[in-house]
Amino acid sequence: MDTDREFEHMMMSVRNSSGSITQMVYAANMLQIKLLQFVARLAYKGYLSVKSRDDLAAFAKLSEGKYTIYSIPVSTEHVNDLKQLEALKLELQNVSEKSEKKRIQNDISILKERIDADSPVEQLKGKGLKQCCVLPKVDGESGTIQIAVMNKDDQIFKSWFASHIRVQMAGGKKEITDLKNFTEGNYTIFNLPFEGKELEDACRDFNTLKMNYSILPDLKVGNDNSQIAVANADRNKFEIWIKMYREDMIKQDKQPGNIYEMDNESYMDTAAINEDEYINNASLEYQKVNSEFKQHEVPGPKVNVMQKDDSEEFARLKKDGNYEMLTINRETLVDNMAFTSVSKKMREKGYFVSRIPGTYGKNEKHLILPAENVFVADEGRTYVGFIPKNKPSMVAENGNVKTASYENIHKQYENVTRNMTYVKNLKPKVPNLNTGKTLNPKV
């Protein structure tokens, strides 16, 4: 099987004028290569149109890989129209008869007119965002689409996204608009470490406590997290409920999840997905195609390029209330860690591996983080890593890779308190209201 020809064709389109691969490729983030490969493979096998493949490659080149993918809630009708449009593009590229081409092109024009009338892309253009890319719809979710937005346009996007979410909101005890008006904007958003039935049970508790609250739309269904807006006047009631929740979980010998405060921008950041999530959420049919190619692929060059703590990505994660910063001393936690076969294997896969403070000898544990979430600081003497508050992280222990909760990892590290001049001077356009404090009252 010739698995390289179509990928090389796609890669040619992201080369710069001198013929070298752009910074996006190999040097910045291997995840973006995986996304380009995935779409190119589906196009090669006839599941996606060549135009969709080329549109993504062109966007990757234009953005130099500096973009974020967001899942946007939309109507089922809009999703179905986009799927139909992709089917027509495929049909068009496979016909040669002129009259048939003309018929398909006419059908595409009619469908595009209907899509544009309800299109987030057209709305974003009206806000001044000129370039973004709607990714091919490969998952089974009927109410979302994925849009890649350049990092430089993030504030324009989020200004639009905030309005878009308000339209989508169904609310809980109160609609979010009612809550905002009722409290004159004096409410706080919290992340809850559950969804589904557990959320329904919690809402019954909130109603019993006569809390004023609103359950916000879940921007990432299936990640075991939900978001709630609570009137500040009822914050004390909510904190009482947190204590009850934690006591109940401990009685059941369960690890209480992390409940933390977040600002509006951090809430919108829960809609962000990385390239791996996009690929892994694809239907089994598409994943099977990707796996067939993986069996024959030749490993590419290994380039370990780690960004510094004055980069745009560092500033973005520092501002995102869904992450917590950890300092990792290079000499004690990286250079002098006891390597195991598992740790070596995870490093070879591109992860950043370091010893967890306070673990030694037979009890030594290693924290495994995505390399793109770790940054070089203090002229290489220190690393700064970001761990998610709303999901577990990977830990190597006794020759196995396990998951550990945010609480169990965070308590073994000290918060970053160094004076990072460059990042302090990066003033976000939207005020960051997140306090960075974890709301977990002691029991």
Protein backbone atom coordinates (compact mmCIF):
# COMPACT_ATOMS: atom_id res chain seq x y z
CA MET A 1 0.00 0.00 0.00
CA ASP A 2 1.36 3.42 -0.96
CA THR A 3 0.63 5.37 2.20
CA ASP A 4 3.09 8.23 1.61
CA ARG A 5 2.02 9.74 -1.71
CA GLU A 6 -1.08 11.63 -0.57
CA PHE A 7 0.52 12.75 2.68
CA GLU A 8 3.55 14.11 0.81
CA HIS A 9 1.19 15.97 -1.52
CA MET A 10 -0.51 17.53 1.50
CA MET A 11 2.80 18.32 3.20
CA MET A 12 4.00 20.14 0.09
CA SER A 13 1.21 22.65 0.61
CA VAL A 14 2.49 23.62 4.06
CA ARG A 15 6.07 24.27 2.92
CA ASN A 16 7.17 27.87 2.85
CA SER A 17 8.54 29.73 -0.15
CA SER A 18 12.06 28.39 0.41
CA GLY A 19 10.81 24.82 0.31
CA SER A 20 11.42 24.05 3.99
CA ILE A 21 8.72 22.81 6.32
CA THR A 22 7.07 25.67 8.19
CA GLN A 23 7.54 26.13 11.92
CA MET A 24 4.19 24.43 12.46
CA VAL A 25 5.55 21.16 11.12
CA TYR A 26 7.90 19.02 13.26
CA ALA A 27 9.29 21.91 15.30
CA ALA A 28 6.19 23.23 17.05
CA ASN A 29 3.63 20.52 17.63
CA MET A 30 3.49 16.95 16.34
CA LEU A 31 -0.22 16.87 17.15
CA GLN A 32 -0.89 19.15 14.20
CA ILE A 33 0.92 16.76 11.87
CA LYS A 34 -1.29 13.95 13.16
CA LEU A 35 -4.40 15.98 12.33
CA LEU A 36 -3.17 16.73 8.81
CA GLN A 37 -2.26 13.08 8.33
CA PHE A 38 -5.65 11.93 9.57
CA VAL A 39 -7.63 14.15 7.19
CA ALA A 40 -5.29 13.35 4.27
CA ARG A 41 -5.76 9.62 4.87
CA LEU A 42 -9.54 9.92 4.91
CA ALA A 43 -9.40 11.93 1.69
CA TYR A 44 -7.08 9.34 0.10
CA LYS A 45 -9.58 6.58 0.96
CA GLY A 46 -12.52 8.59 -0.38
CA TYR A 47 -14.22 9.39 2.94
CA LEU A 48 -13.52 13.12 2.71
CA SER A 49 -13.17 15.46 -0.25
CA VAL A 50 -9.80 16.63 -1.51
CA LYS A 51 -11.07 20.19 -1.02
CA SER A 52 -11.57 19.60 2.73
CA ARG A 53 -8.04 18.21 2.93
CA ASP A 54 -6.56 21.17 1.04
CA ASP A 55 -8.58 23.74 3.03
CA LEU A 56 -7.13 22.39 6.29
CA ALA A 57 -3.59 22.28 4.91
CA ALA A 58 -3.91 25.88 3.69
CA PHE A 59 -5.16 27.02 7.10
CA ALA A 60 -2.32 25.16 8.84
CA LYS A 61 0.20 26.96 6.65
CA LEU A 62 -1.45 30.36 7.09
CA SER A 63 -1.63 30.03 10.88
CA GLU A 64 1.82 28.36 11.16
CA GLY A 65 0.13 25.87 13.46
CA LYS A 66 -0.84 28.56 15.98
CA TYR A 67 -4.51 27.81 16.39
CA THR A 68 -7.04 26.35 18.82
CA ILE A 69 -9.86 23.95 17.94
CA TYR A 70 -13.23 24.62 19.58
CA SER A 71 -16.39 22.51 19.65
CA ILE A 72 -19.30 24.82 18.90
CA PRO A 73 -22.92 23.92 19.79
CA VAL A 74 -25.14 24.29 16.72
CA SER A 75 -28.47 22.95 15.52
CA THR A 76 -28.78 19.37 14.29
CA GLU A 77 -30.04 20.77 10.97
CA HIS A 78 -26.80 22.75 10.53
CA VAL A 79 -24.69 19.64 11.20
CA ASN A 80 -26.72 17.62 8.70
CA ASP A 81 -26.34 20.35 6.07
CA LEU A 82 -22.54 20.33 6.52
CA LYS A 83 -22.47 16.54 6.12
CA GLN A 84 -24.57 16.82 2.98
CA LEU A 85 -22.21 19.50 1.63
CA GLU A 86 -19.21 17.20 2.17
CA ALA A 87 -21.04 14.39 0.35
CA LEU A 88 -21.71 16.71 -2.62
CA LYS A 89 -18.04 17.78 -2.74
CA LEU A 90 -17.04 14.11 -2.89
CA GLU A 91 -19.57 13.46 -5.60
CA LEU A 92 -18.37 16.45 -7.62
CA GLN A 93 -14.71 15.39 -7.61
CA ASN A 94 -15.63 11.93 -8.88
CA VAL A 95 -17.77 12.87 -11.91
CA SER A 96 -16.56 13.94 -15.33
CA GLU A 97 -19.77 14.48 -17.28
CA LYS A 98 -20.37 18.24 -17.69
CA SER A 99 -24.14 18.26 -17.16
CA GLU A 100 -23.80 16.16 -14.00
CA LYS A 101 -21.08 18.50 -12.67
CA LYS A 102 -23.31 21.48 -13.33
CA ARG A 103 -26.19 19.85 -11.43
CA ILE A 104 -24.00 19.11 -8.40
CA GLN A 105 -22.50 22.61 -8.44
CA ASN A 106 -26.02 24.05 -8.45
CA ASP A 107 -27.00 21.83 -5.51
CA ILE A 108 -23.88 22.99 -3.65
CA SER A 109 -24.73 26.66 -4.25
CA ILE A 110 -28.28 26.21 -2.92
CA LEU A 111 -27.03 24.29 0.13
CA LYS A 112 -24.27 26.83 0.86
CA GLU A 113 -26.83 29.63 0.84
CA ARG A 114 -28.84 27.79 3.51
CA ILE A 115 -25.71 27.00 5.56
CA ASP A 116 -24.45 30.59 5.43
CA ALA A 117 -27.75 31.88 6.82
CA ASP A 118 -27.03 30.05 10.11
CA SER A 119 -23.24 29.73 9.89
CA PRO A 120 -20.94 30.55 12.83
CA VAL A 121 -18.24 31.29 10.24
CA GLU A 122 -20.35 34.00 8.59
CA GLN A 123 -21.20 35.46 11.99
CA LEU A 124 -17.50 35.50 12.91
CA LYS A 125 -16.67 37.26 9.64
CA GLY A 126 -19.17 39.92 10.64
CA LYS A 127 -17.18 40.38 13.86
CA GLY A 128 -13.96 40.90 11.91
CA LEU A 129 -12.50 37.38 12.06
CA LYS A 130 -11.43 36.82 8.48
CA GLN A 131 -9.77 33.37 8.64
CA CYS A 132 -10.90 30.21 10.40
CA CYS A 133 -11.43 26.61 9.36
CA VAL A 134 -14.44 24.35 9.90
CA LEU A 135 -13.01 20.86 10.38
CA PRO A 136 -14.67 17.90 8.65
CA LYS A 137 -17.45 16.40 10.75
CA VAL A 138 -16.05 13.01 11.74
CA ASP A 139 -17.64 12.35 15.15
CA GLY A 140 -21.13 11.13 15.95
CA GLU A 141 -22.28 14.19 17.89
CA SER A 142 -25.33 15.73 16.20
CA GLY A 143 -25.20 19.10 17.97
CA THR A 144 -21.62 20.35 17.56
CA ILE A 145 -19.10 21.32 14.90
CA GLN A 146 -15.35 21.91 15.28
CA ILE A 147 -13.76 25.19 14.23
CA ALA A 148 -10.02 25.99 14.21
CA VAL A 149 -9.32 29.61 15.18
CA MET A 150 -5.95 31.36 14.96
CA ASN A 151 -4.56 32.27 18.38
CA LYS A 152 -4.25 35.91 17.33
CA ASP A 153 -8.03 35.97 16.76
CA ASP A 154 -8.96 34.28 20.03
CA GLN A 155 -10.48 37.36 21.68
CA ILE A 156 -12.64 38.12 18.63
CA PHE A 157 -13.81 34.52 18.64
CA LYS A 158 -14.61 34.48 22.37
CA SER A 159 -16.53 37.75 22.14
CA TRP A 160 -18.76 36.08 19.54
CA PHE A 161 -18.79 32.73 21.38
CA ALA A 162 -20.10 34.31 24.60
CA SER A 163 -23.12 35.67 22.68
CA HIS A 164 -23.58 32.37 20.84
CA ILE A 165 -23.60 30.40 24.11
CA ARG A 166 -26.25 32.72 25.62
CA VAL A 167 -28.53 31.86 22.70
CA GLN A 168 -27.92 28.15 23.32
CA MET A 169 -28.40 28.25 27.10
CA ALA A 170 -31.21 26.20 28.61
CA GLY A 171 -30.43 27.13 32.22
CA GLY A 172 -31.07 25.28 35.46
CA LYS A 173 -33.14 26.69 38.33
CA LYS A 174 -32.94 29.99 36.49
CA GLU A 175 -32.06 30.83 32.91
CA ILE A 176 -28.58 32.39 32.85
CA THR A 177 -30.03 35.67 31.52
CA ASP A 178 -32.54 35.70 34.38
CA LEU A 179 -29.77 34.92 36.88
CA LYS A 180 -27.63 37.72 35.46
CA ASN A 181 -30.48 40.21 35.69
CA PHE A 182 -31.64 38.94 39.09
CA THR A 183 -28.17 39.25 40.62
CA GLU A 184 -27.10 42.31 38.56
CA GLY A 185 -24.23 40.18 37.30
CA ASN A 186 -23.12 39.10 40.78
CA TYR A 187 -22.66 35.40 40.19
CA THR A 188 -19.70 33.03 40.04
CA ILE A 189 -19.05 30.07 37.74
CA PHE A 190 -17.80 26.80 39.20
CA ASN A 191 -16.66 23.55 37.62
CA LEU A 192 -18.37 20.41 38.96
CA PRO A 193 -16.56 17.05 38.58
CA PHE A 194 -19.55 15.10 37.25
CA GLU A 195 -22.38 15.20 34.72
CA GLY A 196 -25.49 13.19 33.83
CA LYS A 197 -27.38 11.58 36.72
CA GLU A 198 -24.95 12.92 39.34
CA LEU A 199 -25.66 16.44 38.09
CA GLU A 200 -29.41 15.82 38.29
CA ASP A 201 -29.00 14.64 41.89
CA ALA A 202 -26.94 17.73 42.73
CA CYS A 203 -29.61 20.01 41.23
CA ARG A 204 -32.19 18.46 43.55
CA ASP A 205 -29.88 19.37 46.45
CA PHE A 206 -29.52 22.94 45.13
CA ASN A 207 -33.28 23.28 44.87
CA THR A 208 -33.71 22.02 48.44
CA LEU A 209 -31.18 24.63 49.59
CA LYS A 210 -33.20 27.25 47.63
CA MET A 211 -30.08 28.33 45.73
CA ASN A 212 -30.27 30.71 42.76
CA TYR A 213 -28.19 29.04 40.07
CA SER A 214 -28.01 28.11 36.41
CA ILE A 215 -26.49 25.00 34.83
CA LEU A 216 -24.46 26.20 31.85
CA PRO A 217 -24.41 24.36 28.52
CA ASP A 218 -21.91 21.48 28.57
CA LEU A 219 -19.32 22.48 25.96
CA LYS A 220 -17.56 19.10 26.14
CA VAL A 221 -20.09 16.33 26.72
CA GLY A 222 -18.61 13.12 28.07
CA ASN A 223 -15.64 14.57 29.97
CA ASP A 224 -17.29 14.04 33.40
CA ASN A 225 -17.49 17.78 34.14
CA SER A 226 -20.28 20.36 34.27
CA GLN A 227 -20.39 24.09 34.94
CA ILE A 228 -22.75 26.00 37.22
CA ALA A 229 -23.32 29.72 37.77
CA VAL A 230 -24.22 30.49 41.41
CA ALA A 231 -25.56 33.79 42.73
CA ASN A 232 -22.91 35.29 45.01
CA ALA A 233 -25.60 35.83 47.66
CA ASP A 234 -25.98 32.03 47.80
CA ARG A 235 -22.29 31.21 47.78
CA ASN A 236 -22.39 30.19 51.45
CA LYS A 237 -25.14 27.65 50.67
CA PHE A 238 -23.05 26.28 47.84
CA GLU A 239 -19.98 25.90 50.08
CA ILE A 240 -22.13 24.01 52.60
CA TRP A 241 -23.20 21.68 49.80
CA ILE A 242 -19.54 21.15 48.78
CA LYS A 243 -18.73 20.04 52.30
CA MET A 244 -21.69 17.63 52.29
CA TYR A 245 -20.66 16.29 48.88
CA ARG A 246 -17.08 15.64 49.99
CA GLU A 247 -18.18 13.94 53.22
CA ASP A 248 -20.53 11.69 51.26
CA MET A 249 -17.83 10.73 48.75
CA ILE A 250 -15.36 9.91 51.54
CA LYS A 251 -17.98 7.73 53.27
CA GLN A 252 -18.29 5.80 50.01
CA ASP A 253 -14.48 5.41 49.82
CA LYS A 254 -14.45 7.52 46.66
CA GLN A 255 -12.08 10.34 45.73
CA PRO A 256 -14.03 13.64 45.77
CA GLY A 257 -13.58 15.45 42.49
CA ASN A 258 -12.17 18.95 42.21
CA ILE A 259 -14.67 21.82 42.43
CA TYR A 260 -13.11 25.11 41.44
CA GLU A 261 -14.00 28.66 40.50
CA MET A 262 -13.59 29.83 36.92
CA ASP A 263 -14.18 33.00 34.92
CA ASN A 264 -16.22 33.30 31.72
CA GLU A 265 -13.19 32.87 29.49
CA SER A 266 -12.08 29.71 31.30
CA TYR A 267 -15.61 28.36 30.88
CA MET A 268 -15.39 28.95 27.12
CA ASP A 269 -11.98 27.25 27.14
CA THR A 270 -13.73 24.00 28.14
CA ALA A 271 -14.90 23.87 24.51
CA ALA A 272 -11.28 23.63 23.30
CA ILE A 273 -10.10 20.23 22.09
CA ASN A 274 -6.69 19.15 20.85
CA GLU A 275 -5.93 17.18 17.72
CA ASP A 276 -5.79 13.84 19.55
CA GLU A 277 -9.28 14.40 20.98
CA TYR A 278 -10.62 15.26 17.52
CA ILE A 279 -9.15 12.07 16.07
CA ASN A 280 -10.11 9.84 19.00
CA ASN A 281 -13.70 11.12 18.92
CA ALA A 282 -14.07 10.15 15.25
CA SER A 283 -16.42 7.32 14.35
CA LEU A 284 -14.97 3.80 14.42
CA GLU A 285 -15.08 3.62 10.63
CA TYR A 286 -12.70 6.58 10.31
CA GLN A 287 -10.45 5.35 13.12
CA LYS A 288 -10.15 1.99 11.37
CA VAL A 289 -8.90 3.73 8.21
CA ASN A 290 -6.36 5.67 10.25
CA SER A 291 -5.15 2.47 11.95
CA GLU A 292 -4.55 0.79 8.58
CA PHE A 293 -2.14 3.56 7.62
CA LYS A 294 -0.43 3.51 11.03
CA GLN A 295 0.58 -0.11 10.47
CA HIS A 296 2.70 0.94 7.50
CA GLU A 297 3.93 4.39 8.50
CA VAL A 298 7.62 5.14 8.93
CA PRO A 299 8.40 7.16 12.10
CA GLY A 300 9.28 10.76 11.30
CA PRO A 301 12.24 12.70 12.67
CA LYS A 302 12.25 13.27 16.41
CA VAL A 303 12.57 16.94 17.18
CA ASN A 304 12.25 17.90 20.83
CA VAL A 305 11.52 21.61 20.84
CA MET A 306 10.14 22.96 24.11
CA GLN A 307 8.73 26.47 24.28
CA LYS A 308 9.87 29.02 26.85
CA ASP A 309 7.83 30.73 29.54
CA ASP A 310 7.63 33.92 27.47
CA SER A 311 5.64 32.24 24.69
CA GLU A 312 2.05 32.94 23.66
CA GLU A 313 1.02 29.38 24.55
CA PHE A 314 2.42 29.76 28.07
CA ALA A 315 0.43 32.98 28.52
CA ARG A 316 -2.73 31.25 27.25
CA LEU A 317 -2.44 28.32 29.66
CA LYS A 318 -1.50 30.61 32.55
CA LYS A 319 -4.73 32.53 31.98
CA ASP A 320 -6.88 29.40 31.60
CA GLY A 321 -8.52 28.68 34.97
CA ASN A 322 -8.89 25.00 34.05
CA TYR A 323 -5.13 24.47 34.56
CA GLU A 324 -2.75 24.83 37.50
CA MET A 325 0.95 25.65 37.18
CA LEU A 326 3.62 23.46 38.75
CA THR A 327 7.35 24.20 39.04
CA ILE A 328 9.64 21.29 38.20
CA ASN A 329 13.30 21.61 39.19
CA ARG A 330 15.43 20.26 36.37
CA GLU A 331 18.38 19.01 38.43
CA THR A 332 16.45 17.15 41.14
CA LEU A 333 13.25 16.08 39.34
CA VAL A 334 14.40 15.50 35.76
CA ASP A 335 18.15 14.95 35.40
CA ASN A 336 18.45 12.75 38.50
CA MET A 337 15.23 10.75 38.25
CA ALA A 338 15.41 6.95 38.17
CA PHE A 339 14.36 6.01 34.66
CA THR A 340 12.17 2.95 34.15
CA SER A 341 11.29 1.23 30.88
CA VAL A 342 7.83 2.80 31.08
CA SER A 343 9.20 6.32 31.61
CA LYS A 344 11.64 5.90 28.71
CA LYS A 345 8.85 4.67 26.46
CA MET A 346 6.61 7.65 27.34
CA ARG A 347 9.49 10.05 26.61
CA GLU A 348 10.03 8.39 23.25
CA LYS A 349 6.36 8.98 22.52
CA GLY A 350 6.92 12.71 23.06
CA TYR A 351 5.76 13.15 26.65
CA PHE A 352 7.58 15.10 29.34
CA VAL A 353 8.43 12.84 32.30
CA SER A 354 9.66 13.98 35.72
CA ARG A 355 9.87 12.62 39.25
CA ILE A 356 7.05 13.62 41.58
CA PRO A 357 8.47 15.43 44.65
CA GLY A 358 8.55 13.38 47.82
CA THR A 359 8.74 10.02 46.03
CA TYR A 360 12.02 8.08 46.12
CA GLY A 361 13.51 4.62 45.61
CA LYS A 362 10.96 1.85 45.29
CA ASN A 363 8.16 4.37 45.85
CA GLU A 364 9.34 6.77 43.14
CA LYS A 365 6.53 8.02 40.88
CA HIS A 366 6.79 9.94 37.62
CA LEU A 367 4.43 12.61 36.35
CA ILE A 368 3.73 12.29 32.61
CA LEU A 369 2.63 15.48 30.85
CA PRO A 370 2.06 16.36 27.19
CA ALA A 371 5.25 18.11 26.05
CA GLU A 372 3.24 21.07 24.75
CA ASN A 373 2.07 21.74 28.34
CA VAL A 374 5.61 22.12 29.72
CA PHE A 375 7.84 25.19 29.31
CA VAL A 376 11.46 26.09 29.97
CA ALA A 377 12.08 28.76 32.63
CA ASP A 378 14.98 30.25 34.61
CA GLU A 379 17.42 29.79 31.71
CA GLY A 380 16.79 26.05 31.70
CA ARG A 381 17.10 25.44 35.44
CA THR A 382 13.35 25.04 35.93
CA TYR A 383 10.42 23.69 33.97
CA VAL A 384 6.86 24.96 34.37
CA GLY A 385 4.16 22.39 33.73
CA PHE A 386 0.38 22.76 33.55
CA ILE A 387 -1.92 20.07 34.92
CA PRO A 388 -5.67 20.06 34.26
CA LYS A 389 -7.99 20.67 37.19
CA ASN A 390 -10.93 18.92 35.55
CA LYS A 391 -9.44 15.56 34.64
CA PRO A 392 -6.76 13.16 35.92
CA SER A 393 -3.15 13.18 34.72
CA MET A 394 -0.90 10.23 33.90
CA VAL A 395 1.54 8.87 36.47
CA ALA A 396 4.11 6.08 36.06
CA GLU A 397 4.23 3.85 39.14
CA ASN A 398 5.66 0.36 39.68
CA GLY A 399 6.15 -0.21 35.96
CA ASN A 400 2.62 0.84 34.99
CA VAL A 401 0.97 3.99 33.72
CA LYS A 402 -1.96 4.99 35.91
CA THR A 403 -4.11 8.09 36.34
CA ALA A 404 -4.04 10.36 39.38
CA SER A 405 -6.50 13.06 40.39
CA TYR A 406 -5.65 16.74 40.34
CA GLU A 407 -5.74 16.87 44.16
CA ASN A 408 -3.32 13.98 44.62
CA ILE A 409 -0.80 15.50 42.22
CA HIS A 410 -1.13 19.14 43.18
CA LYS A 411 -0.60 18.64 46.90
CA GLN A 412 2.94 17.41 46.18
CA TYR A 413 3.98 20.52 44.32
CA GLU A 414 4.29 24.14 45.29
CA ASN A 415 2.41 26.77 43.30
CA VAL A 416 4.47 28.84 40.92
CA THR A 417 5.36 32.09 42.71
CA ARG A 418 8.35 33.26 40.70
CA ASN A 419 8.29 36.71 39.16
CA MET A 420 7.86 36.00 35.43
CA THR A 421 8.29 39.50 34.08
CA TYR A 422 7.43 38.80 30.46
CA VAL A 423 4.18 36.99 31.24
CA LYS A 424 3.16 39.57 33.83
CA ASN A 425 3.44 42.22 31.12
CA LEU A 426 1.20 40.26 28.77
CA LYS A 427 -2.09 42.00 29.52
CA PRO A 428 -5.08 40.04 28.22
CA LYS A 429 -7.74 42.03 26.42
CA VAL A 430 -10.46 40.47 28.58
CA PRO A 431 -9.95 40.72 32.37
CA ASN A 432 -9.13 37.38 33.97
CA LEU A 433 -11.38 37.08 37.02
CA ASN A 434 -10.21 33.62 38.12
CA THR A 435 -8.84 33.63 41.65
CA GLY A 436 -6.87 30.46 41.08
CA LYS A 437 -8.16 29.08 44.38
CA THR A 438 -9.57 25.59 44.73
CA LEU A 439 -12.92 25.49 46.47
CA ASN A 440 -12.58 22.36 48.61
CA PRO A 441 -13.48 23.10 52.22
CA LYS A 442 -11.80 20.79 54.71
CA VAL A 443 -13.96 18.17 56.37
